[in-house]
Amino acid sequence: MSAAQSKPGRRPTVSAEWLESAAAELESSAEGSLPTWVILGQAHRYCEDLGKAAMLRKAAGIKSVADRREFLRANGVEA
């Protein structure tokens, strides 16, 4: 998942509101997928998604947009 929202000719968004929304969506998706992942023996994916959501929420708490982008890039998210 990318924290980038693609718009031609524009940098990806890293607004705190968008990051919070993306984190909530990721958590919801992970919750819905958990039973399937357990059946397939891949429950670790649930933990990975929750970790990504926590990282997005942490990024959303960073006040400076430049620092937020740097944090996201350091954590493997295009920003």
N, C-alpha and C. Protein backbone atom coordinates (compact mmCIF):
# COMPACT_ATOMS: atom_id res chain seq x y z
N MET A 1 0.84 -1.19 0.00
CA MET A 1 0.00 0.00 0.00
C MET A 1 0.87 1.23 0.00
N SER A 2 0.42 2.21 -0.74
CA SER A 2 1.16 3.45 -0.82
C SER A 2 0.36 4.57 -0.18
N ALA A 3 1.05 5.45 0.51
CA ALA A 3 0.38 6.60 1.11
C ALA A 3 0.19 7.68 0.07
N ALA A 4 0.58 7.37 -1.12
CA ALA A 4 0.48 8.36 -2.20
C ALA A 4 -0.89 8.29 -2.86
N GLN A 5 -1.43 9.44 -3.12
CA GLN A 5 -2.68 9.52 -3.86
C GLN A 5 -2.31 10.16 -5.19
N SER A 6 -2.39 9.39 -6.25
CA SER A 6 -1.87 9.84 -7.54
C SER A 6 -2.76 10.89 -8.19
N LYS A 7 -2.14 11.97 -8.57
CA LYS A 7 -2.77 13.01 -9.37
C LYS A 7 -1.73 13.44 -10.38
N PRO A 8 -2.07 13.43 -11.66
CA PRO A 8 -1.09 13.77 -12.69
C PRO A 8 -0.44 15.13 -12.43
N GLY A 9 0.89 15.15 -12.46
CA GLY A 9 1.63 16.39 -12.32
C GLY A 9 1.72 16.94 -10.90
N ARG A 10 1.23 16.19 -9.92
CA ARG A 10 1.26 16.68 -8.54
C ARG A 10 1.96 15.66 -7.66
N ARG A 11 2.54 16.15 -6.57
CA ARG A 11 3.15 15.26 -5.61
C ARG A 11 2.06 14.51 -4.86
N PRO A 12 2.36 13.31 -4.43
CA PRO A 12 1.37 12.54 -3.66
C PRO A 12 1.00 13.27 -2.37
N THR A 13 -0.22 13.09 -1.93
CA THR A 13 -0.67 13.75 -0.70
C THR A 13 -0.14 13.01 0.52
N VAL A 14 0.21 13.75 1.52
CA VAL A 14 0.61 13.18 2.80
C VAL A 14 -0.10 13.94 3.91
N SER A 15 -1.31 14.41 3.63
CA SER A 15 -2.05 15.14 4.66
C SER A 15 -2.37 14.21 5.82
N ALA A 16 -2.41 14.77 7.02
CA ALA A 16 -2.69 13.98 8.21
C ALA A 16 -4.05 13.31 8.09
N GLU A 17 -5.02 14.02 7.53
CA GLU A 17 -6.36 13.46 7.39
C GLU A 17 -6.36 12.26 6.45
N TRP A 18 -5.63 12.37 5.34
CA TRP A 18 -5.58 11.27 4.38
C TRP A 18 -4.88 10.07 4.98
N LEU A 19 -3.79 10.31 5.71
CA LEU A 19 -3.05 9.21 6.33
C LEU A 19 -3.91 8.50 7.38
N GLU A 20 -4.66 9.27 8.18
CA GLU A 20 -5.55 8.67 9.17
C GLU A 20 -6.62 7.81 8.48
N SER A 21 -7.17 8.34 7.40
CA SER A 21 -8.18 7.61 6.65
C SER A 21 -7.61 6.32 6.06
N ALA A 22 -6.42 6.41 5.49
CA ALA A 22 -5.78 5.23 4.90
C ALA A 22 -5.49 4.18 5.97
N ALA A 23 -5.07 4.63 7.16
CA ALA A 23 -4.80 3.70 8.27
C ALA A 23 -6.08 2.99 8.69
N ALA A 24 -7.17 3.73 8.81
CA ALA A 24 -8.45 3.13 9.21
C ALA A 24 -8.93 2.13 8.16
N GLU A 25 -8.76 2.49 6.89
CA GLU A 25 -9.16 1.59 5.80
C GLU A 25 -8.32 0.31 5.81
N LEU A 26 -7.03 0.45 6.06
CA LEU A 26 -6.14 -0.71 6.11
C LEU A 26 -6.50 -1.62 7.28
N GLU A 27 -6.77 -1.02 8.44
CA GLU A 27 -7.17 -1.81 9.60
C GLU A 27 -8.47 -2.56 9.34
N SER A 28 -9.43 -1.89 8.73
CA SER A 28 -10.72 -2.51 8.42
C SER A 28 -10.54 -3.68 7.46
N SER A 29 -9.73 -3.47 6.45
CA SER A 29 -9.46 -4.52 5.47
C SER A 29 -8.77 -5.72 6.13
N ALA A 30 -7.82 -5.43 7.01
CA ALA A 30 -7.10 -6.50 7.70
C ALA A 30 -8.05 -7.30 8.59
N GLU A 31 -8.93 -6.61 9.29
CA GLU A 31 -9.91 -7.29 10.15
C GLU A 31 -10.79 -8.22 9.31
N GLY A 32 -11.24 -7.74 8.16
CA GLY A 32 -12.09 -8.55 7.30
C GLY A 32 -11.38 -9.74 6.69
N SER A 33 -10.08 -9.60 6.48
CA SER A 33 -9.30 -10.67 5.84
C SER A 33 -8.72 -11.67 6.82
N LEU A 34 -8.73 -11.35 8.10
CA LEU A 34 -8.09 -12.22 9.09
C LEU A 34 -8.57 -13.67 9.04
N PRO A 35 -9.88 -13.94 9.00
CA PRO A 35 -10.29 -15.35 8.96
C PRO A 35 -9.71 -16.12 7.77
N THR A 36 -9.66 -15.47 6.62
CA THR A 36 -9.11 -16.11 5.42
C THR A 36 -7.62 -16.36 5.59
N TRP A 37 -6.91 -15.37 6.12
CA TRP A 37 -5.47 -15.54 6.32
C TRP A 37 -5.17 -16.66 7.31
N VAL A 38 -6.00 -16.80 8.34
CA VAL A 38 -5.80 -17.88 9.31
C VAL A 38 -5.97 -19.23 8.63
N ILE A 39 -7.02 -19.36 7.82
CA ILE A 39 -7.25 -20.61 7.10
C ILE A 39 -6.08 -20.95 6.18
N LEU A 40 -5.52 -19.92 5.54
CA LEU A 40 -4.40 -20.14 4.62
C LEU A 40 -3.05 -20.22 5.33
N GLY A 41 -3.06 -20.07 6.64
CA GLY A 41 -1.80 -20.14 7.40
C GLY A 41 -0.94 -18.91 7.22
N GLN A 42 -1.54 -17.78 6.94
CA GLN A 42 -0.78 -16.56 6.70
C GLN A 42 -1.25 -15.42 7.62
N ALA A 43 -1.51 -15.75 8.88
CA ALA A 43 -2.00 -14.76 9.83
C ALA A 43 -0.99 -13.64 10.07
N HIS A 44 0.27 -13.88 9.72
CA HIS A 44 1.29 -12.83 9.89
C HIS A 44 0.96 -11.59 9.05
N ARG A 45 0.19 -11.78 7.99
CA ARG A 45 -0.20 -10.63 7.15
C ARG A 45 -1.06 -9.64 7.93
N TYR A 46 -1.88 -10.16 8.83
CA TYR A 46 -2.70 -9.30 9.67
C TYR A 46 -1.81 -8.38 10.50
N CYS A 47 -0.79 -8.97 11.11
CA CYS A 47 0.15 -8.19 11.92
C CYS A 47 0.91 -7.18 11.06
N GLU A 48 1.28 -7.57 9.86
CA GLU A 48 1.97 -6.65 8.95
C GLU A 48 1.10 -5.45 8.62
N ASP A 49 -0.18 -5.71 8.31
CA ASP A 49 -1.09 -4.61 7.98
C ASP A 49 -1.34 -3.71 9.17
N LEU A 50 -1.46 -4.28 10.36
CA LEU A 50 -1.63 -3.45 11.55
C LEU A 50 -0.39 -2.61 11.81
N GLY A 51 0.78 -3.17 11.52
CA GLY A 51 2.03 -2.41 11.65
C GLY A 51 2.08 -1.24 10.67
N LYS A 52 1.63 -1.49 9.44
CA LYS A 52 1.59 -0.42 8.44
C LYS A 52 0.61 0.67 8.85
N ALA A 53 -0.53 0.27 9.39
CA ALA A 53 -1.53 1.24 9.84
C ALA A 53 -0.96 2.08 10.98
N ALA A 54 -0.25 1.45 11.90
CA ALA A 54 0.35 2.19 13.01
C ALA A 54 1.39 3.17 12.50
N MET A 55 2.16 2.76 11.48
CA MET A 55 3.16 3.65 10.90
C MET A 55 2.49 4.85 10.24
N LEU A 56 1.37 4.63 9.53
CA LEU A 56 0.65 5.73 8.90
C LEU A 56 0.10 6.69 9.94
N ARG A 57 -0.42 6.16 11.05
CA ARG A 57 -0.92 7.02 12.12
C ARG A 57 0.20 7.83 12.76
N LYS A 58 1.35 7.19 12.92
CA LYS A 58 2.50 7.92 13.48
C LYS A 58 2.91 9.05 12.54
N ALA A 59 2.93 8.77 11.25
CA ALA A 59 3.27 9.80 10.26
C ALA A 59 2.27 10.94 10.31
N ALA A 60 0.99 10.60 10.49
CA ALA A 60 -0.05 11.63 10.55
C ALA A 60 0.17 12.58 11.72
N GLY A 61 0.81 12.11 12.77
CA GLY A 61 1.07 12.94 13.94
C GLY A 61 2.26 13.87 13.80
N ILE A 62 3.02 13.72 12.73
CA ILE A 62 4.19 14.58 12.51
C ILE A 62 3.69 15.89 11.90
N LYS A 63 4.02 17.01 12.55
CA LYS A 63 3.49 18.31 12.14
C LYS A 63 4.05 18.81 10.81
N SER A 64 5.33 18.70 10.62
CA SER A 64 5.98 19.21 9.42
C SER A 64 5.74 18.26 8.24
N VAL A 65 5.23 18.81 7.13
CA VAL A 65 4.98 17.99 5.95
C VAL A 65 6.29 17.39 5.42
N ALA A 66 7.36 18.18 5.44
CA ALA A 66 8.65 17.68 4.96
C ALA A 66 9.13 16.52 5.84
N ASP A 67 9.01 16.66 7.15
CA ASP A 67 9.40 15.59 8.06
C ASP A 67 8.51 14.36 7.88
N ARG A 68 7.23 14.62 7.64
CA ARG A 68 6.28 13.52 7.41
C ARG A 68 6.68 12.74 6.17
N ARG A 69 6.99 13.46 5.08
CA ARG A 69 7.42 12.79 3.84
C ARG A 69 8.70 11.99 4.07
N GLU A 70 9.65 12.57 4.79
CA GLU A 70 10.91 11.88 5.07
C GLU A 70 10.65 10.61 5.88
N PHE A 71 9.78 10.69 6.89
CA PHE A 71 9.43 9.53 7.70
C PHE A 71 8.81 8.43 6.84
N LEU A 72 7.88 8.81 5.97
CA LEU A 72 7.23 7.83 5.11
C LEU A 72 8.22 7.18 4.16
N ARG A 73 9.08 7.97 3.55
CA ARG A 73 10.09 7.40 2.64
C ARG A 73 11.02 6.45 3.38
N ALA A 74 11.41 6.82 4.60
CA ALA A 74 12.29 5.96 5.40
C ALA A 74 11.62 4.64 5.74
N ASN A 75 10.30 4.63 5.71
CA ASN A 75 9.55 3.41 6.02
C ASN A 75 9.00 2.74 4.78
N GLY A 76 9.55 3.08 3.62
CA GLY A 76 9.23 2.38 2.38
C GLY A 76 7.95 2.79 1.69
N VAL A 77 7.46 4.00 2.00
CA VAL A 77 6.23 4.48 1.37
C VAL A 77 6.59 5.64 0.44
N GLU A 78 6.11 5.56 -0.80
CA GLU A 78 6.34 6.65 -1.75
C GLU A 78 5.60 7.88 -1.26
N ALA A 79 6.34 8.97 -1.07
CA ALA A 79 5.69 10.20 -0.57
C ALA A 79 6.33 11.42 -1.19
